[in-house]
Amino acid sequence: MAATGGFRSFHRPAFTKAVRESHPKRRQWRRDGRRLQRKKASREGLAAILIVCEGRETEPNYLHGLCDARGVNRANTTIVAGDGETSALGLVRKAQRRFAVDRDFDAVFVVCDCAREELAPAMAAAATPMKNAAGESITVNLIVSRPCFEFWLLLHFEYISRPFATAQEVIDLLRRHITDYDKADRQIYAKVEAGLDRAIGHTQQLKTELAAIGANTPDTDMLRLIASLELLRRRSPRE
């Protein structure tokens, strides 16, 4: 009995905290707190954006690192990690459901891969207008990387425009520059940060080349998301 009592005594605080944190009222308090933070930043002239990611770790880790490094107002940036949904259409619908719960956003983005998926259904769904709390009509912005998000990371190091048969080919090339690359790496942005301007230039060059030859892969729409995040900067980025 003494051992059992000790076991319960050791685990009860963590268990009690987990139950308390998952209580509906506490979740509502957290949502209300984040909403108040966004409203305060909004009064400072900053928009609020919602970003729904396909990936559980790579994309959220990169975006959190980017926001911290660039001085982006985190109060006005909500980044939702993936939960197993991989289709662009499913992710658009997920973003729309999340927006329906909290309409205090000026823009909504979905960050996803697209190797072979037909995007037409997702693009049609994304174009469905939604009314935010200010009464403005907005739609979901699809931020697609072909064949995978790692292609955007690769552009931080080199320019490449040839098509890839698989996402693994991109990852293998990326590991020439980041030998310990791992999708769960929380420091992924720090490892590519020095090449951000290079990635932007490479993407612009790539889009020009793709337009000239009538191709659409490899490609990435990350420039649009980066531009929106830059508008949320409230201080100078760290040196």
Protein backbone atom coordinates (compact mmCIF):
# COMPACT_ATOMS: atom_id res chain seq x y z
CA MET A 1 0.00 0.00 0.00
CA ALA A 2 2.83 2.36 0.78
CA ALA A 3 4.34 1.84 -2.66
CA THR A 4 0.98 2.36 -4.31
CA GLY A 5 0.41 5.50 -2.31
CA GLY A 6 3.81 6.81 -3.36
CA PHE A 7 3.03 6.10 -7.01
CA ARG A 8 -0.22 8.03 -6.79
CA SER A 9 1.44 10.90 -4.95
CA PHE A 10 4.12 11.17 -7.62
CA HIS A 11 1.75 11.21 -10.60
CA ARG A 12 -1.28 13.03 -9.24
CA PRO A 13 0.00 16.63 -9.83
CA ALA A 14 0.80 16.01 -13.50
CA PHE A 15 -2.46 14.15 -14.03
CA THR A 16 -4.47 16.83 -12.25
CA LYS A 17 -2.80 19.57 -14.30
CA ALA A 18 -3.52 17.71 -17.55
CA VAL A 19 -7.18 17.32 -16.63
CA ARG A 20 -7.40 20.96 -15.58
CA GLU A 21 -5.76 22.20 -18.78
CA SER A 22 -8.12 20.13 -20.93
CA HIS A 23 -11.25 21.40 -19.19
CA PRO A 24 -13.58 23.16 -21.66
CA LYS A 25 -13.68 26.34 -19.56
CA ARG A 26 -9.89 26.55 -19.42
CA ARG A 27 -9.63 26.01 -23.17
CA GLN A 28 -12.15 28.80 -23.62
CA TRP A 29 -10.12 31.08 -21.32
CA ARG A 30 -7.02 30.42 -23.43
CA ARG A 31 -8.93 31.18 -26.62
CA ASP A 32 -10.31 34.37 -25.10
CA GLY A 33 -6.82 35.38 -23.98
CA ARG A 34 -5.37 34.87 -27.45
CA ARG A 35 -8.31 36.78 -28.93
CA LEU A 36 -7.64 39.75 -26.64
CA GLN A 37 -3.95 39.71 -27.61
CA ARG A 38 -4.87 39.76 -31.29
CA LYS A 39 -7.30 42.64 -30.77
CA LYS A 40 -4.60 44.63 -28.98
CA ALA A 41 -2.16 44.03 -31.86
CA SER A 42 -4.93 44.88 -34.32
CA ARG A 43 -5.30 48.29 -32.69
CA GLU A 44 -1.61 48.75 -33.45
CA GLY A 45 -2.43 48.26 -37.13
CA LEU A 46 -1.37 44.62 -37.44
CA ALA A 47 -3.49 41.98 -39.14
CA ALA A 48 -4.22 38.59 -37.59
CA ILE A 49 -3.57 35.47 -39.64
CA LEU A 50 -4.38 31.78 -39.25
CA ILE A 51 -1.98 29.22 -40.73
CA VAL A 52 -3.07 25.58 -40.95
CA CYS A 53 -0.21 23.20 -41.77
CA GLU A 54 -0.26 19.74 -43.26
CA GLY A 55 2.90 18.75 -41.42
CA ARG A 56 2.95 18.03 -37.71
CA GLU A 57 6.45 19.43 -37.15
CA THR A 58 8.53 20.62 -40.12
CA GLU A 59 6.30 23.46 -41.32
CA PRO A 60 5.22 24.65 -37.83
CA ASN A 61 8.82 24.53 -36.56
CA TYR A 62 10.04 26.52 -39.57
CA LEU A 63 7.28 29.11 -39.24
CA HIS A 64 7.70 29.55 -35.49
CA GLY A 65 11.44 30.02 -36.00
CA LEU A 66 10.85 32.49 -38.82
CA CYS A 67 8.42 34.52 -36.71
CA ASP A 68 10.83 34.68 -33.77
CA ALA A 69 13.81 35.61 -35.94
CA ARG A 70 11.99 38.22 -38.01
CA GLY A 71 10.22 39.89 -35.10
CA VAL A 72 6.76 38.84 -36.21
CA ASN A 73 4.00 39.57 -33.71
CA ARG A 74 3.20 36.08 -32.43
CA ALA A 75 -0.01 37.30 -30.78
CA ASN A 76 -1.46 37.82 -34.23
CA THR A 77 -0.13 34.62 -35.77
CA THR A 78 -1.91 31.34 -35.05
CA ILE A 79 -0.09 28.29 -36.43
CA VAL A 80 -1.97 24.99 -36.36
CA ALA A 81 0.11 21.81 -36.70
CA GLY A 82 -0.99 18.85 -38.78
CA ASP A 83 -3.10 16.04 -37.38
CA GLY A 84 -2.81 13.44 -40.11
CA GLU A 85 -4.91 15.12 -42.79
CA THR A 86 -2.88 15.19 -46.00
CA SER A 87 -5.27 16.12 -48.80
CA ALA A 88 -5.37 19.76 -49.83
CA LEU A 89 -9.17 19.67 -49.88
CA GLY A 90 -9.31 18.20 -46.39
CA LEU A 91 -6.89 20.85 -45.11
CA VAL A 92 -8.95 23.65 -46.64
CA ARG A 93 -12.04 22.32 -44.90
CA LYS A 94 -10.10 22.01 -41.64
CA ALA A 95 -9.03 25.66 -41.93
CA GLN A 96 -12.61 26.71 -42.59
CA ARG A 97 -13.85 24.80 -39.53
CA ARG A 98 -11.12 26.39 -37.39
CA PHE A 99 -12.06 29.84 -38.70
CA ALA A 100 -15.73 29.22 -37.92
CA VAL A 101 -14.80 28.77 -34.24
CA ASP A 102 -12.86 32.05 -34.10
CA ARG A 103 -13.43 34.63 -36.83
CA ASP A 104 -10.94 37.21 -35.51
CA PHE A 105 -8.62 36.71 -38.48
CA ASP A 106 -7.85 38.88 -41.49
CA ALA A 107 -6.30 36.07 -43.55
CA VAL A 108 -6.27 32.27 -43.55
CA PHE A 109 -3.52 30.12 -45.09
CA VAL A 110 -3.13 26.40 -45.70
CA VAL A 111 0.45 25.16 -46.06
CA CYS A 112 0.62 21.82 -47.85
CA ASP A 113 2.51 19.58 -50.26
CA CYS A 114 1.28 18.54 -53.67
CA ALA A 115 3.10 15.78 -55.48
CA ARG A 116 0.32 14.33 -57.62
CA GLU A 117 -2.93 15.54 -56.10
CA GLU A 118 -5.39 17.37 -58.30
CA LEU A 119 -5.75 20.80 -56.71
CA ALA A 120 -8.90 21.96 -58.52
CA PRO A 121 -11.33 20.74 -55.81
CA ALA A 122 -9.23 22.31 -53.05
CA MET A 123 -8.94 25.60 -54.94
CA ALA A 124 -12.69 25.68 -55.52
CA ALA A 125 -13.37 25.08 -51.83
CA ALA A 126 -10.74 27.64 -50.81
CA ALA A 127 -12.48 30.29 -52.89
CA THR A 128 -15.63 30.04 -50.76
CA PRO A 129 -16.03 33.44 -49.06
CA MET A 130 -16.05 33.64 -45.26
CA LYS A 131 -17.04 36.61 -43.12
CA ASN A 132 -14.62 37.55 -40.36
CA ALA A 133 -15.46 39.33 -37.12
CA ALA A 134 -15.03 42.72 -38.81
CA GLY A 135 -17.57 41.78 -41.47
CA GLU A 136 -14.94 41.48 -44.19
CA SER A 137 -15.08 38.70 -46.77
CA ILE A 138 -11.96 36.54 -46.95
CA THR A 139 -11.01 33.20 -48.52
CA VAL A 140 -8.45 30.49 -47.77
CA ASN A 141 -5.03 31.02 -49.36
CA LEU A 142 -3.40 27.79 -50.53
CA ILE A 143 0.38 27.74 -50.05
CA VAL A 144 1.50 24.69 -52.00
CA SER A 145 5.00 23.25 -52.41
CA ARG A 146 5.63 20.68 -55.13
CA PRO A 147 6.61 17.99 -54.49
CA CYS A 148 7.09 18.77 -50.79
CA PHE A 149 7.89 21.51 -48.26
CA GLU A 150 11.53 20.43 -48.27
CA PHE A 151 11.82 21.89 -51.77
CA TRP A 152 11.36 25.35 -50.22
CA LEU A 153 14.09 24.50 -47.71
CA LEU A 154 16.37 23.33 -50.52
CA LEU A 155 16.00 26.69 -52.28
CA HIS A 156 17.70 28.29 -49.27
CA PHE A 157 20.90 26.62 -50.50
CA GLU A 158 20.71 26.14 -54.27
CA TYR A 159 18.69 26.85 -57.38
CA ILE A 160 17.12 23.85 -59.02
CA SER A 161 14.28 23.64 -61.53
CA ARG A 162 14.24 20.04 -62.70
CA PRO A 163 11.20 17.92 -61.81
CA PHE A 164 11.45 15.36 -59.02
CA ALA A 165 9.94 11.88 -59.18
CA THR A 166 9.49 11.69 -55.41
CA ALA A 167 9.70 13.87 -52.32
CA GLN A 168 12.51 11.65 -51.07
CA GLU A 169 14.71 12.91 -53.92
CA VAL A 170 14.33 16.43 -52.55
CA ILE A 171 15.12 15.31 -49.01
CA ASP A 172 18.25 13.50 -50.22
CA LEU A 173 19.47 16.72 -51.89
CA LEU A 174 18.63 18.75 -48.81
CA ARG A 175 20.76 16.41 -46.68
CA ARG A 176 23.79 17.45 -48.72
CA HIS A 177 23.43 20.81 -47.01
CA ILE A 178 21.88 19.72 -43.69
CA THR A 179 23.42 16.33 -43.04
CA ASP A 180 21.36 15.75 -39.89
CA TYR A 181 18.07 16.90 -41.40
CA ASP A 182 15.07 15.57 -39.52
CA LYS A 183 11.42 16.49 -39.98
CA ALA A 184 11.05 16.96 -36.21
CA ASP A 185 14.01 19.37 -35.89
CA ARG A 186 12.86 22.35 -33.83
CA GLN A 187 15.88 24.34 -35.01
CA ILE A 188 15.20 23.88 -38.72
CA TYR A 189 14.71 27.59 -39.38
CA ALA A 190 18.00 28.47 -37.67
CA LYS A 191 19.76 25.98 -39.95
CA VAL A 192 18.46 27.63 -43.13
CA GLU A 193 18.02 31.23 -41.94
CA ALA A 194 21.17 32.54 -43.64
CA GLY A 195 19.72 31.52 -47.00
CA LEU A 196 16.26 33.14 -46.72
CA ASP A 197 17.01 35.96 -49.16
CA ARG A 198 18.60 33.40 -51.48
CA ALA A 199 15.44 31.24 -51.31
CA ILE A 200 13.29 34.25 -52.17
CA GLY A 201 15.48 35.08 -55.17
CA HIS A 202 15.58 31.45 -56.31
CA THR A 203 11.79 31.18 -56.08
CA GLN A 204 11.28 34.31 -58.15
CA GLN A 205 13.73 32.99 -60.76
CA LEU A 206 11.99 29.60 -60.77
CA LYS A 207 8.53 31.06 -61.32
CA THR A 208 9.82 33.02 -64.30
CA GLU A 209 11.36 29.89 -65.77
CA LEU A 210 8.24 27.76 -65.17
CA ALA A 211 6.02 30.39 -66.80
CA ALA A 212 8.30 30.50 -69.84
CA ILE A 213 8.14 26.75 -70.41
CA GLY A 214 4.54 26.22 -69.29
CA ALA A 215 5.41 23.91 -66.38
CA ASN A 216 4.20 23.89 -62.78
CA THR A 217 6.67 21.72 -60.92
CA PRO A 218 8.82 21.92 -58.91
CA ASP A 219 7.36 25.02 -57.32
CA THR A 220 6.45 26.69 -54.05
CA ASP A 221 4.03 29.43 -53.01
CA MET A 222 5.90 30.25 -49.81
CA LEU A 223 6.75 33.76 -51.06
CA ARG A 224 3.13 34.81 -50.52
CA LEU A 225 3.12 33.58 -46.94
CA ILE A 226 6.52 35.14 -46.19
CA ALA A 227 5.26 38.50 -47.51
CA SER A 228 2.19 38.34 -45.27
CA LEU A 229 4.28 37.47 -42.21
CA GLU A 230 6.67 40.34 -42.92
CA LEU A 231 3.72 42.74 -42.57
CA LEU A 232 3.30 41.55 -38.96
CA ARG A 233 6.78 42.58 -37.85
CA ARG A 234 6.66 44.86 -34.81
CA ARG A 235 10.36 45.17 -34.12
CA SER A 236 13.67 44.83 -35.89
CA PRO A 237 14.71 41.20 -36.49
CA ARG A 238 17.52 39.90 -34.32
CA GLU A 239 20.99 40.29 -35.67
